[in-house]
Amino acid sequence: MANVGIRQTLVGRDRELHELCALLGITSPGSVASADAHVVLLSGDAGVGKTRLLTELRDRAFAEGWQVVAGHCLDFGDSALPFLPVSEVMGRLATDHTGVVERVAEAHRGWPGCSRGGG
């Protein structure tokens, strides 16, 4: 069972966390965000700490006032669901920020996962 309510220290990933924060424009208190934020794909073998790294990144983003929405990837061999993360994110945004979803769907017609309603 997970340690509910216990804060765990991130060990050995300071460089990676700093790089992710810099690429996404998540700043430390008192600094100015970069206007050149990027999209990042984080991948790796099972058990190497991707979720823990992203949890720390999410916590820092929340602390800076960001809204964080997550989508999940599943790998079923040759029948993976490549747009599942986009569909999940759009579905969540459709609940909380309908106008954002409408603008994205309009700008990206025909792109799977960006139909109105996130499906």
PDB file of N, CA and C in Angstrom:
ATOM      1  N   MET A   1       0.833  -1.185   0.000  1.00  0.00           N
ATOM      2  CA  MET A   1       0.000   0.000   0.000  1.00  0.00           C
ATOM      3  C   MET A   1       0.874   1.243   0.000  1.00  0.00           C
ATOM      4  N   ALA A   2       0.443   2.270  -0.673  1.00  0.00           N
ATOM      5  CA  ALA A   2       1.210   3.514  -0.766  1.00  0.00           C
ATOM      6  C   ALA A   2       1.248   4.226   0.577  1.00  0.00           C
ATOM      7  N   ASN A   3       2.306   4.987   0.794  1.00  0.00           N
ATOM      8  CA  ASN A   3       2.432   5.795   1.998  1.00  0.00           C
ATOM      9  C   ASN A   3       1.624   7.071   1.840  1.00  0.00           C
ATOM     10  N   VAL A   4       0.370   7.020   2.192  1.00  0.00           N
ATOM     11  CA  VAL A   4      -0.529   8.153   2.022  1.00  0.00           C
ATOM     12  C   VAL A   4      -0.123   9.270   2.970  1.00  0.00           C
ATOM     13  N   GLY A   5       0.037  10.471   2.423  1.00  0.00           N
ATOM     14  CA  GLY A   5       0.344  11.634   3.236  1.00  0.00           C
ATOM     15  C   GLY A   5       1.799  11.777   3.619  1.00  0.00           C
ATOM     16  N   ILE A   6       2.650  10.859   3.204  1.00  0.00           N
ATOM     17  CA  ILE A   6       4.070  10.941   3.528  1.00  0.00           C
ATOM     18  C   ILE A   6       4.817  11.488   2.324  1.00  0.00           C
ATOM     19  N   ARG A   7       5.547  12.567   2.528  1.00  0.00           N
ATOM     20  CA  ARG A   7       6.324  13.204   1.466  1.00  0.00           C
ATOM     21  C   ARG A   7       7.633  12.460   1.294  1.00  0.00           C
ATOM     22  N   GLN A   8       7.909  11.996   0.093  1.00  0.00           N
ATOM     23  CA  GLN A   8       9.145  11.286  -0.173  1.00  0.00           C
ATOM     24  C   GLN A   8      10.100  12.199  -0.932  1.00  0.00           C
ATOM     25  N   THR A   9      11.369  12.108  -0.605  1.00  0.00           N
ATOM     26  CA  THR A   9      12.395  12.904  -1.255  1.00  0.00           C
ATOM     27  C   THR A   9      12.761  12.266  -2.585  1.00  0.00           C
ATOM     28  N   LEU A  10      12.869  13.092  -3.613  1.00  0.00           N
ATOM     29  CA  LEU A  10      13.315  12.615  -4.921  1.00  0.00           C
ATOM     30  C   LEU A  10      14.831  12.463  -4.863  1.00  0.00           C
ATOM     31  N   VAL A  11      15.323  11.283  -5.166  1.00  0.00           N
ATOM     32  CA  VAL A  11      16.750  10.997  -5.056  1.00  0.00           C
ATOM     33  C   VAL A  11      17.330  10.719  -6.440  1.00  0.00           C
ATOM     34  N   GLY A  12      18.408  11.414  -6.772  1.00  0.00           N
ATOM     35  CA  GLY A  12      19.160  11.107  -7.981  1.00  0.00           C
ATOM     36  C   GLY A  12      18.562  11.602  -9.281  1.00  0.00           C
ATOM     37  N   ARG A  13      17.587  12.491  -9.224  1.00  0.00           N
ATOM     38  CA  ARG A  13      16.951  12.986 -10.449  1.00  0.00           C
ATOM     39  C   ARG A  13      16.910  14.516 -10.507  1.00  0.00           C
ATOM     40  N   ASP A  14      17.757  15.174  -9.735  1.00  0.00           N
ATOM     41  CA  ASP A  14      17.758  16.639  -9.712  1.00  0.00           C
ATOM     42  C   ASP A  14      18.032  17.233 -11.094  1.00  0.00           C
ATOM     43  N   ARG A  15      18.999  16.664 -11.800  1.00  0.00           N
ATOM     44  CA  ARG A  15      19.352  17.183 -13.130  1.00  0.00           C
ATOM     45  C   ARG A  15      18.169  17.043 -14.081  1.00  0.00           C
ATOM     46  N   GLU A  16      17.553  15.867 -14.089  1.00  0.00           N
ATOM     47  CA  GLU A  16      16.420  15.625 -14.987  1.00  0.00           C
ATOM     48  C   GLU A  16      15.232  16.524 -14.635  1.00  0.00           C
ATOM     49  N   LEU A  17      14.971  16.670 -13.330  1.00  0.00           N
ATOM     50  CA  LEU A  17      13.868  17.527 -12.895  1.00  0.00           C
ATOM     51  C   LEU A  17      14.119  18.978 -13.284  1.00  0.00           C
ATOM     52  N   HIS A  18      15.323  19.451 -13.089  1.00  0.00           N
ATOM     53  CA  HIS A  18      15.671  20.818 -13.465  1.00  0.00           C
ATOM     54  C   HIS A  18      15.502  21.022 -14.975  1.00  0.00           C
ATOM     55  N   GLU A  19      15.949  20.044 -15.767  1.00  0.00           N
ATOM     56  CA  GLU A  19      15.823  20.153 -17.224  1.00  0.00           C
ATOM     57  C   GLU A  19      14.356  20.177 -17.653  1.00  0.00           C
ATOM     58  N   LEU A  20      13.533  19.312 -17.067  1.00  0.00           N
ATOM     59  CA  LEU A  20      12.103  19.312 -17.387  1.00  0.00           C
ATOM     60  C   LEU A  20      11.456  20.639 -17.020  1.00  0.00           C
ATOM     61  N   CYS A  21      11.764  21.144 -15.832  1.00  0.00           N
ATOM     62  CA  CYS A  21      11.212  22.442 -15.416  1.00  0.00           C
ATOM     63  C   CYS A  21      11.615  23.545 -16.384  1.00  0.00           C
ATOM     64  N   ALA A  22      12.868  23.545 -16.792  1.00  0.00           N
ATOM     65  CA  ALA A  22      13.353  24.571 -17.720  1.00  0.00           C
ATOM     66  C   ALA A  22      12.676  24.454 -19.081  1.00  0.00           C
ATOM     67  N   LEU A  23      12.552  23.236 -19.595  1.00  0.00           N
ATOM     68  CA  LEU A  23      11.931  23.040 -20.911  1.00  0.00           C
ATOM     69  C   LEU A  23      10.462  23.435 -20.926  1.00  0.00           C
ATOM     70  N   LEU A  24       9.774  23.198 -19.824  1.00  0.00           N
ATOM     71  CA  LEU A  24       8.343  23.490 -19.772  1.00  0.00           C
ATOM     72  C   LEU A  24       8.044  24.902 -19.268  1.00  0.00           C
ATOM     73  N   GLY A  25       9.054  25.601 -18.801  1.00  0.00           N
ATOM     74  CA  GLY A  25       8.838  26.962 -18.337  1.00  0.00           C
ATOM     75  C   GLY A  25       8.339  27.041 -16.907  1.00  0.00           C
ATOM     76  N   ILE A  26       8.530  25.964 -16.135  1.00  0.00           N
ATOM     77  CA  ILE A  26       8.176  25.974 -14.718  1.00  0.00           C
ATOM     78  C   ILE A  26       9.365  26.573 -13.988  1.00  0.00           C
ATOM     79  N   THR A  27       9.130  27.663 -13.317  1.00  0.00           N
ATOM     80  CA  THR A  27      10.229  28.394 -12.694  1.00  0.00           C
ATOM     81  C   THR A  27      10.257  28.159 -11.201  1.00  0.00           C
ATOM     82  N   SER A  28      11.366  28.470 -10.616  1.00  0.00           N
ATOM     83  CA  SER A  28      11.447  28.444  -9.164  1.00  0.00           C
ATOM     84  C   SER A  28      10.949  29.798  -8.652  1.00  0.00           C
ATOM     85  N   PRO A  29      10.523  29.868  -7.394  1.00  0.00           N
ATOM     86  CA  PRO A  29      10.005  31.122  -6.859  1.00  0.00           C
ATOM     87  C   PRO A  29      10.974  32.282  -7.080  1.00  0.00           C
ATOM     88  N   GLY A  30      10.457  33.388  -7.577  1.00  0.00           N
ATOM     89  CA  GLY A  30      11.266  34.579  -7.795  1.00  0.00           C
ATOM     90  C   GLY A  30      11.910  34.674  -9.159  1.00  0.00           C
ATOM     91  N   SER A  31      11.843  33.625  -9.982  1.00  0.00           N
ATOM     92  CA  SER A  31      12.443  33.687 -11.305  1.00  0.00           C
ATOM     93  C   SER A  31      11.366  33.903 -12.359  1.00  0.00           C
ATOM     94  N   VAL A  32      11.786  34.169 -13.576  1.00  0.00           N
ATOM     95  CA  VAL A  32      10.861  34.478 -14.667  1.00  0.00           C
ATOM     96  C   VAL A  32      10.785  33.286 -15.614  1.00  0.00           C
ATOM     97  N   ALA A  33       9.564  32.909 -15.993  1.00  0.00           N
ATOM     98  CA  ALA A  33       9.370  31.780 -16.895  1.00  0.00           C
ATOM     99  C   ALA A  33       9.877  32.111 -18.294  1.00  0.00           C
ATOM    100  N   SER A  34      10.382  31.099 -18.976  1.00  0.00           N
ATOM    101  CA  SER A  34      10.839  31.236 -20.349  1.00  0.00           C
ATOM    102  C   SER A  34       9.639  31.355 -21.281  1.00  0.00           C
ATOM    103  N   ALA A  35       9.767  32.191 -22.298  1.00  0.00           N
ATOM    104  CA  ALA A  35       8.710  32.307 -23.305  1.00  0.00           C
ATOM    105  C   ALA A  35       8.790  31.152 -24.299  1.00  0.00           C
ATOM    106  N   ASP A  36       9.861  30.371 -24.242  1.00  0.00           N
ATOM    107  CA  ASP A  36      10.088  29.276 -25.181  1.00  0.00           C
ATOM    108  C   ASP A  36       9.845  27.916 -24.530  1.00  0.00           C
ATOM    109  N   ALA A  37       8.671  27.719 -23.939  1.00  0.00           N
ATOM    110  CA  ALA A  37       8.345  26.433 -23.328  1.00  0.00           C
ATOM    111  C   ALA A  37       8.198  25.375 -24.417  1.00  0.00           C
ATOM    112  N   HIS A  38       8.444  24.135 -24.089  1.00  0.00           N
ATOM    113  CA  HIS A  38       8.441  23.029 -25.033  1.00  0.00           C
ATOM    114  C   HIS A  38       7.486  21.931 -24.589  1.00  0.00           C
ATOM    115  N   VAL A  39       7.263  20.992 -25.478  1.00  0.00           N
ATOM    116  CA  VAL A  39       6.551  19.764 -25.166  1.00  0.00           C
ATOM    117  C   VAL A  39       7.611  18.700 -24.915  1.00  0.00           C
ATOM    118  N   VAL A  40       7.373  17.846 -23.929  1.00  0.00           N
ATOM    119  CA  VAL A  40       8.350  16.835 -23.566  1.00  0.00           C
ATOM    120  C   VAL A  40       7.685  15.465 -23.577  1.00  0.00           C
ATOM    121  N   LEU A  41       8.359  14.477 -24.141  1.00  0.00           N
ATOM    122  CA  LEU A  41       7.938  13.089 -24.073  1.00  0.00           C
ATOM    123  C   LEU A  41       8.901  12.377 -23.136  1.00  0.00           C
ATOM    124  N   LEU A  42       8.368  11.824 -22.073  1.00  0.00           N
ATOM    125  CA  LEU A  42       9.185  11.090 -21.111  1.00  0.00           C
ATOM    126  C   LEU A  42       8.895   9.608 -21.287  1.00  0.00           C
ATOM    127  N   SER A  43       9.926   8.844 -21.594  1.00  0.00           N
ATOM    128  CA  SER A  43       9.739   7.402 -21.776  1.00  0.00           C
ATOM    129  C   SER A  43      10.885   6.668 -21.102  1.00  0.00           C
ATOM    130  N   GLY A  44      10.675   5.408 -20.858  1.00  0.00           N
ATOM    131  CA  GLY A  44      11.714   4.582 -20.253  1.00  0.00           C
ATOM    132  C   GLY A  44      11.133   3.251 -19.835  1.00  0.00           C
ATOM    133  N   ASP A  45      12.014   2.354 -19.458  1.00  0.00           N
ATOM    134  CA  ASP A  45      11.594   1.034 -19.028  1.00  0.00           C
ATOM    135  C   ASP A  45      10.795   1.119 -17.734  1.00  0.00           C
ATOM    136  N   ALA A  46       9.990   0.101 -17.501  1.00  0.00           N
ATOM    137  CA  ALA A  46       9.201   0.022 -16.278  1.00  0.00           C
ATOM    138  C   ALA A  46      10.118   0.046 -15.057  1.00  0.00           C
ATOM    139  N   GLY A  47       9.732   0.830 -14.062  1.00  0.00           N
ATOM    140  CA  GLY A  47      10.453   0.836 -12.799  1.00  0.00           C
ATOM    141  C   GLY A  47      11.635   1.765 -12.694  1.00  0.00           C
ATOM    142  N   VAL A  48      11.891   2.593 -13.717  1.00  0.00           N
ATOM    143  CA  VAL A  48      13.065   3.470 -13.664  1.00  0.00           C
ATOM    144  C   VAL A  48      12.776   4.814 -12.991  1.00  0.00           C
ATOM    145  N   GLY A  49      11.517   5.081 -12.640  1.00  0.00           N
ATOM    146  CA  GLY A  49      11.202   6.296 -11.899  1.00  0.00           C
ATOM    147  C   GLY A  49      10.482   7.375 -12.675  1.00  0.00           C
ATOM    148  N   LYS A  50       9.865   7.030 -13.799  1.00  0.00           N
ATOM    149  CA  LYS A  50       9.150   8.038 -14.606  1.00  0.00           C
ATOM    150  C   LYS A  50       8.003   8.671 -13.815  1.00  0.00           C
ATOM    151  N   THR A  51       7.205   7.826 -13.173  1.00  0.00           N
ATOM    152  CA  THR A  51       6.057   8.345 -12.423  1.00  0.00           C
ATOM    153  C   THR A  51       6.515   9.211 -11.265  1.00  0.00           C
ATOM    154  N   ARG A  52       7.537   8.808 -10.566  1.00  0.00           N
ATOM    155  CA  ARG A  52       8.044   9.597  -9.432  1.00  0.00           C
ATOM    156  C   ARG A  52       8.573  10.942  -9.901  1.00  0.00           C
ATOM    157  N   LEU A  53       9.288  10.952 -11.014  1.00  0.00           N
ATOM    158  CA  LEU A  53       9.805  12.201 -11.577  1.00  0.00           C
ATOM    159  C   LEU A  53       8.659  13.117 -11.986  1.00  0.00           C
ATOM    160  N   LEU A  54       7.653  12.551 -12.647  1.00  0.00           N
ATOM    161  CA  LEU A  54       6.505  13.362 -13.071  1.00  0.00           C
ATOM    162  C   LEU A  54       5.683  13.848 -11.888  1.00  0.00           C
ATOM    163  N   THR A  55       5.628  13.076 -10.816  1.00  0.00           N
ATOM    164  CA  THR A  55       4.920  13.524  -9.617  1.00  0.00           C
ATOM    165  C   THR A  55       5.602  14.748  -9.029  1.00  0.00           C
ATOM    166  N   GLU A  56       6.912  14.737  -8.982  1.00  0.00           N
ATOM    167  CA  GLU A  56       7.659  15.894  -8.481  1.00  0.00           C
ATOM    168  C   GLU A  56       7.476  17.100  -9.405  1.00  0.00           C
ATOM    169  N   LEU A  57       7.508  16.857 -10.715  1.00  0.00           N
ATOM    170  CA  LEU A  57       7.289  17.925 -11.686  1.00  0.00           C
ATOM    171  C   LEU A  57       5.890  18.520 -11.514  1.00  0.00           C
ATOM    172  N   ARG A  58       4.883  17.649 -11.361  1.00  0.00           N
ATOM    173  CA  ARG A  58       3.510  18.101 -11.132  1.00  0.00           C
ATOM    174  C   ARG A  58       3.410  18.963  -9.876  1.00  0.00           C
ATOM    175  N   ASP A  59       4.054  18.530  -8.799  1.00  0.00           N
ATOM    176  CA  ASP A  59       4.015  19.285  -7.553  1.00  0.00           C
ATOM    177  C   ASP A  59       4.625  20.676  -7.724  1.00  0.00           C
ATOM    178  N   ARG A  60       5.707  20.754  -8.460  1.00  0.00           N
ATOM    179  CA  ARG A  60       6.332  22.066  -8.702  1.00  0.00           C
ATOM    180  C   ARG A  60       5.444  22.949  -9.569  1.00  0.00           C
ATOM    181  N   ALA A  61       4.800  22.338 -10.556  1.00  0.00           N
ATOM    182  CA  ALA A  61       3.889  23.100 -11.413  1.00  0.00           C
ATOM    183  C   ALA A  61       2.710  23.637 -10.604  1.00  0.00           C
ATOM    184  N   PHE A  62       2.121  22.791  -9.754  1.00  0.00           N
ATOM    185  CA  PHE A  62       1.030  23.246  -8.881  1.00  0.00           C
ATOM    186  C   PHE A  62       1.484  24.413  -8.020  1.00  0.00           C
ATOM    187  N   ALA A  63       2.686  24.306  -7.463  1.00  0.00           N
ATOM    188  CA  ALA A  63       3.216  25.354  -6.587  1.00  0.00           C
ATOM    189  C   ALA A  63       3.369  26.685  -7.327  1.00  0.00           C
ATOM    190  N   GLU A  64       3.564  26.623  -8.638  1.00  0.00           N
ATOM    191  CA  GLU A  64       3.703  27.833  -9.449  1.00  0.00           C
ATOM    192  C   GLU A  64       2.377  28.286 -10.045  1.00  0.00           C
ATOM    193  N   GLY A  65       1.279  27.637  -9.664  1.00  0.00           N
ATOM    194  CA  GLY A  65      -0.034  28.067 -10.119  1.00  0.00           C
ATOM    195  C   GLY A  65      -0.507  27.430 -11.411  1.00  0.00           C
ATOM    196  N   TRP A  66       0.166  26.416 -11.883  1.00  0.00           N
ATOM    197  CA  TRP A  66      -0.234  25.729 -13.106  1.00  0.00           C
ATOM    198  C   TRP A  66      -1.426  24.823 -12.830  1.00  0.00           C
ATOM    199  N   GLN A  67      -2.242  24.579 -13.837  1.00  0.00           N
ATOM    200  CA  GLN A  67      -3.226  23.510 -13.786  1.00  0.00           C
ATOM    201  C   GLN A  67      -2.595  22.332 -14.508  1.00  0.00           C
ATOM    202  N   VAL A  68      -2.619  21.184 -13.897  1.00  0.00           N
ATOM    203  CA  VAL A  68      -1.978  19.999 -14.465  1.00  0.00           C
ATOM    204  C   VAL A  68      -3.043  18.964 -14.785  1.00  0.00           C
ATOM    205  N   VAL A  69      -3.017  18.454 -16.006  1.00  0.00           N
ATOM    206  CA  VAL A  69      -3.942  17.418 -16.451  1.00  0.00           C
ATOM    207  C   VAL A  69      -3.097  16.286 -17.026  1.00  0.00           C
ATOM    208  N   ALA A  70      -3.441  15.056 -16.691  1.00  0.00           N
ATOM    209  CA  ALA A  70      -2.636  13.915 -17.130  1.00  0.00           C
ATOM    210  C   ALA A  70      -3.439  12.979 -18.015  1.00  0.00           C
ATOM    211  N   GLY A  71      -2.747  12.366 -18.960  1.00  0.00           N
ATOM    212  CA  GLY A  71      -3.290  11.293 -19.775  1.00  0.00           C
ATOM    213  C   GLY A  71      -2.363  10.102 -19.641  1.00  0.00           C
ATOM    214  N   HIS A  72      -2.891   8.927 -19.861  1.00  0.00           N
ATOM    215  CA  HIS A  72      -2.117   7.706 -19.653  1.00  0.00           C
ATOM    216  C   HIS A  72      -1.847   6.983 -20.967  1.00  0.00           C
ATOM    217  N   CYS A  73      -0.707   6.356 -21.043  1.00  0.00           N
ATOM    218  CA  CYS A  73      -0.343   5.540 -22.202  1.00  0.00           C
ATOM    219  C   CYS A  73      -0.437   4.076 -21.820  1.00  0.00           C
ATOM    220  N   LEU A  74      -0.964   3.299 -22.722  1.00  0.00           N
ATOM    221  CA  LEU A  74      -1.026   1.853 -22.545  1.00  0.00           C
ATOM    222  C   LEU A  74      -0.334   1.216 -23.727  1.00  0.00           C
ATOM    223  N   ASP A  75       0.353   0.119 -23.485  1.00  0.00           N
ATOM    224  CA  ASP A  75       1.028  -0.587 -24.566  1.00  0.00           C
ATOM    225  C   ASP A  75       0.548  -2.024 -24.584  1.00  0.00           C
ATOM    226  N   PHE A  76      -0.191  -2.354 -25.610  1.00  0.00           N
ATOM    227  CA  PHE A  76      -0.685  -3.712 -25.785  1.00  0.00           C
ATOM    228  C   PHE A  76       0.009  -4.353 -26.982  1.00  0.00           C
ATOM    229  N   GLY A  77       1.304  -4.192 -27.083  1.00  0.00           N
ATOM    230  CA  GLY A  77       2.038  -4.743 -28.217  1.00  0.00           C
ATOM    231  C   GLY A  77       1.716  -3.972 -29.480  1.00  0.00           C
ATOM    232  N   ASP A  78       1.204  -4.654 -30.479  1.00  0.00           N
ATOM    233  CA  ASP A  78       0.913  -4.017 -31.762  1.00  0.00           C
ATOM    234  C   ASP A  78      -0.408  -3.251 -31.774  1.00  0.00           C
ATOM    235  N   SER A  79      -1.201  -3.350 -30.722  1.00  0.00           N
ATOM    236  CA  SER A  79      -2.501  -2.684 -30.725  1.00  0.00           C
ATOM    237  C   SER A  79      -2.574  -1.591 -29.667  1.00  0.00           C
ATOM    238  N   ALA A  80      -1.525  -0.788 -29.539  1.00  0.00           N
ATOM    239  CA  ALA A  80      -1.508   0.311 -28.574  1.00  0.00           C
ATOM    240  C   ALA A  80      -2.576   1.348 -28.937  1.00  0.00           C
ATOM    241  N   LEU A  81      -2.944   2.148 -27.978  1.00  0.00           N
ATOM    242  CA  LEU A  81      -3.928   3.214 -28.178  1.00  0.00           C
ATOM    243  C   LEU A  81      -3.180   4.551 -28.192  1.00  0.00           C
ATOM    244  N   PRO A  82      -2.655   4.965 -29.340  1.00  0.00           N
ATOM    245  CA  PRO A  82      -1.741   6.112 -29.382  1.00  0.00           C
ATOM    246  C   PRO A  82      -2.352   7.443 -28.969  1.00  0.00           C
ATOM    247  N   PHE A  83      -3.659   7.620 -29.114  1.00  0.00           N
ATOM    248  CA  PHE A  83      -4.255   8.906 -28.773  1.00  0.00           C
ATOM    249  C   PHE A  83      -5.008   8.872 -27.453  1.00  0.00           C
ATOM    250  N   LEU A  84      -4.873   7.814 -26.680  1.00  0.00           N
ATOM    251  CA  LEU A  84      -5.532   7.738 -25.385  1.00  0.00           C
ATOM    252  C   LEU A  84      -5.150   8.909 -24.476  1.00  0.00           C
ATOM    253  N   PRO A  85      -3.864   9.270 -24.352  1.00  0.00           N
ATOM    254  CA  PRO A  85      -3.536  10.400 -23.469  1.00  0.00           C
ATOM    255  C   PRO A  85      -4.215  11.693 -23.906  1.00  0.00           C
ATOM    256  N   VAL A  86      -4.271  11.935 -25.209  1.00  0.00           N
ATOM    257  CA  VAL A  86      -4.914  13.154 -25.721  1.00  0.00           C
ATOM    258  C   VAL A  86      -6.405  13.118 -25.405  1.00  0.00           C
ATOM    259  N   SER A  87      -7.038  11.978 -25.614  1.00  0.00           N
ATOM    260  CA  SER A  87      -8.470  11.848 -25.326  1.00  0.00           C
ATOM    261  C   SER A  87      -8.758  12.067 -23.850  1.00  0.00           C
ATOM    262  N   GLU A  88      -7.921  11.514 -22.987  1.00  0.00           N
ATOM    263  CA  GLU A  88      -8.119  11.704 -21.544  1.00  0.00           C
ATOM    264  C   GLU A  88      -7.970  13.161 -21.141  1.00  0.00           C
ATOM    265  N   VAL A  89      -6.951  13.810 -21.653  1.00  0.00           N
ATOM    266  CA  VAL A  89      -6.721  15.219 -21.316  1.00  0.00           C
ATOM    267  C   VAL A  89      -7.863  16.081 -21.841  1.00  0.00           C
ATOM    268  N   MET A  90      -8.261  15.842 -23.077  1.00  0.00           N
ATOM    269  CA  MET A  90      -9.352  16.643 -23.650  1.00  0.00           C
ATOM    270  C   MET A  90     -10.661  16.394 -22.902  1.00  0.00           C
ATOM    271  N   GLY A  91     -10.895  15.163 -22.480  1.00  0.00           N
ATOM    272  CA  GLY A  91     -12.089  14.862 -21.706  1.00  0.00           C
ATOM    273  C   GLY A  91     -12.107  15.606 -20.384  1.00  0.00           C
ATOM    274  N   ARG A  92     -10.975  15.650 -19.714  1.00  0.00           N
ATOM    275  CA  ARG A  92     -10.875  16.383 -18.446  1.00  0.00           C
ATOM    276  C   ARG A  92     -11.076  17.880 -18.664  1.00  0.00           C
ATOM    277  N   LEU A  93     -10.430  18.404 -19.699  1.00  0.00           N
ATOM    278  CA  LEU A  93     -10.574  19.834 -19.994  1.00  0.00           C
ATOM    279  C   LEU A  93     -11.999  20.173 -20.406  1.00  0.00           C
ATOM    280  N   ALA A  94     -12.678  19.241 -21.092  1.00  0.00           N
ATOM    281  CA  ALA A  94     -14.062  19.486 -21.505  1.00  0.00           C
ATOM    282  C   ALA A  94     -14.949  19.694 -20.285  1.00  0.00           C
ATOM    283  N   THR A  95     -14.621  19.036 -19.189  1.00  0.00           N
ATOM    284  CA  THR A  95     -15.386  19.191 -17.959  1.00  0.00           C
ATOM    285  C   THR A  95     -15.081  20.529 -17.293  1.00  0.00           C
ATOM    286  N   ASP A  96     -13.812  20.899 -17.256  1.00  0.00           N
ATOM    287  CA  ASP A  96     -13.382  22.084 -16.508  1.00  0.00           C
ATOM    288  C   ASP A  96     -13.276  23.355 -17.342  1.00  0.00           C
ATOM    289  N   HIS A  97     -12.972  23.228 -18.627  1.00  0.00           N
ATOM    290  CA  HIS A  97     -12.691  24.394 -19.473  1.00  0.00           C
ATOM    291  C   HIS A  97     -13.227  24.168 -20.887  1.00  0.00           C
ATOM    292  N   THR A  98     -14.510  24.184 -21.037  1.00  0.00           N
ATOM    293  CA  THR A  98     -15.149  23.886 -22.318  1.00  0.00           C
ATOM    294  C   THR A  98     -14.620  24.769 -23.446  1.00  0.00           C
ATOM    295  N   GLY A  99     -14.400  26.033 -23.189  1.00  0.00           N
ATOM    296  CA  GLY A  99     -13.919  26.951 -24.221  1.00  0.00           C
ATOM    297  C   GLY A  99     -12.560  26.557 -24.771  1.00  0.00           C
ATOM    298  N   VAL A 100     -11.692  26.045 -23.914  1.00  0.00           N
ATOM    299  CA  VAL A 100     -10.365  25.607 -24.356  1.00  0.00           C
ATOM    300  C   VAL A 100     -10.506  24.436 -25.319  1.00  0.00           C
ATOM    301  N   VAL A 101     -11.345  23.484 -24.966  1.00  0.00           N
ATOM    302  CA  VAL A 101     -11.546  22.307 -25.813  1.00  0.00           C
ATOM    303  C   VAL A 101     -12.111  22.722 -27.165  1.00  0.00           C
ATOM    304  N   GLU A 102     -13.054  23.628 -27.169  1.00  0.00           N
ATOM    305  CA  GLU A 102     -13.632  24.090 -28.432  1.00  0.00           C
ATOM    306  C   GLU A 102     -12.583  24.753 -29.312  1.00  0.00           C
ATOM    307  N   ARG A 103     -11.706  25.570 -28.722  1.00  0.00           N
ATOM    308  CA  ARG A 103     -10.650  26.224 -29.505  1.00  0.00           C
ATOM    309  C   ARG A 103      -9.642  25.213 -30.051  1.00  0.00           C
ATOM    310  N   VAL A 104      -9.266  24.235 -29.245  1.00  0.00           N
ATOM    311  CA  VAL A 104      -8.318  23.212 -29.699  1.00  0.00           C
ATOM    312  C   VAL A 104      -8.949  22.362 -30.794  1.00  0.00           C
ATOM    313  N   ALA A 105     -10.200  21.960 -30.600  1.00  0.00           N
ATOM    314  CA  ALA A 105     -10.894  21.141 -31.605  1.00  0.00           C
ATOM    315  C   ALA A 105     -11.018  21.899 -32.927  1.00  0.00           C
ATOM    316  N   GLU A 106     -11.281  23.179 -32.854  1.00  0.00           N
ATOM    317  CA  GLU A 106     -11.398  23.997 -34.066  1.00  0.00           C
ATOM    318  C   GLU A 106     -10.042  24.120 -34.771  1.00  0.00           C
ATOM    319  N   ALA A 107      -8.987  24.285 -34.003  1.00  0.00           N
ATOM    320  CA  ALA A 107      -7.651  24.463 -34.585  1.00  0.00           C
ATOM    321  C   ALA A 107      -7.063  23.155 -35.119  1.00  0.00           C
ATOM    322  N   HIS A 108      -7.544  22.031 -34.605  1.00  0.00           N
ATOM    323  CA  HIS A 108      -6.952  20.735 -34.968  1.00  0.00           C
ATOM    324  C   HIS A 108      -8.018  19.759 -35.448  1.00  0.00           C
ATOM    325  N   ARG A 109      -8.837  20.201 -36.359  1.00  0.00           N
ATOM    326  CA  ARG A 109      -9.890  19.336 -36.902  1.00  0.00           C
ATOM    327  C   ARG A 109      -9.287  18.074 -37.489  1.00  0.00           C
ATOM    328  N   GLY A 110      -9.928  16.963 -37.228  1.00  0.00           N
ATOM    329  CA  GLY A 110      -9.485  15.708 -37.787  1.00  0.00           C
ATOM    330  C   GLY A 110      -8.373  15.022 -37.037  1.00  0.00           C
ATOM    331  N   TRP A 111      -7.824  15.685 -36.026  1.00  0.00           N
ATOM    332  CA  TRP A 111      -6.767  15.055 -35.241  1.00  0.00           C
ATOM    333  C   TRP A 111      -7.421  14.195 -34.170  1.00  0.00           C
ATOM    334  N   PRO A 112      -7.155  12.886 -34.153  1.00  0.00           N
ATOM    335  CA  PRO A 112      -7.816  12.004 -33.191  1.00  0.00           C
ATOM    336  C   PRO A 112      -7.669  12.507 -31.761  1.00  0.00           C
ATOM    337  N   GLY A 113      -8.737  12.432 -31.012  1.00  0.00           N
ATOM    338  CA  GLY A 113      -8.718  12.872 -29.627  1.00  0.00           C
ATOM    339  C   GLY A 113      -9.091  14.324 -29.445  1.00  0.00           C
ATOM    340  N   CYS A 114      -9.191  15.072 -30.532  1.00  0.00           N
ATOM    341  CA  CYS A 114      -9.503  16.494 -30.417  1.00  0.00           C
ATOM    342  C   CYS A 114     -10.903  16.825 -30.910  1.00  0.00           C
ATOM    343  N   SER A 115     -11.748  15.835 -30.985  1.00  0.00           N
ATOM    344  CA  SER A 115     -13.130  16.138 -31.355  1.00  0.00           C
ATOM    345  C   SER A 115     -13.816  16.775 -30.160  1.00  0.00           C
ATOM    346  N   ARG A 116     -14.883  17.466 -30.397  1.00  0.00           N
ATOM    347  CA  ARG A 116     -15.605  18.109 -29.300  1.00  0.00           C
ATOM    348  C   ARG A 116     -16.004  17.052 -28.279  1.00  0.00           C
ATOM    349  N   GLY A 117     -15.780  17.387 -27.019  1.00  0.00           N
ATOM    350  CA  GLY A 117     -16.097  16.448 -25.958  1.00  0.00           C
ATOM    351  C   GLY A 117     -14.941  15.522 -25.626  1.00  0.00           C
ATOM    352  N   GLY A 118     -13.852  15.620 -26.366  1.00  0.00           N
ATOM    353  CA  GLY A 118     -12.636  14.863 -26.050  1.00  0.00           C
ATOM    354  C   GLY A 118     -12.612  13.441 -26.542  1.00  0.00           C
ATOM    355  N   GLY A 119     -13.623  12.977 -27.309  1.00  0.00           N
ATOM    356  CA  GLY A 119     -13.626  11.572 -27.697  1.00  0.00           C
ATOM    357  C   GLY A 119     -13.258  11.339 -29.104  1.00  0.00           C
TER     358      GLY A 119
END
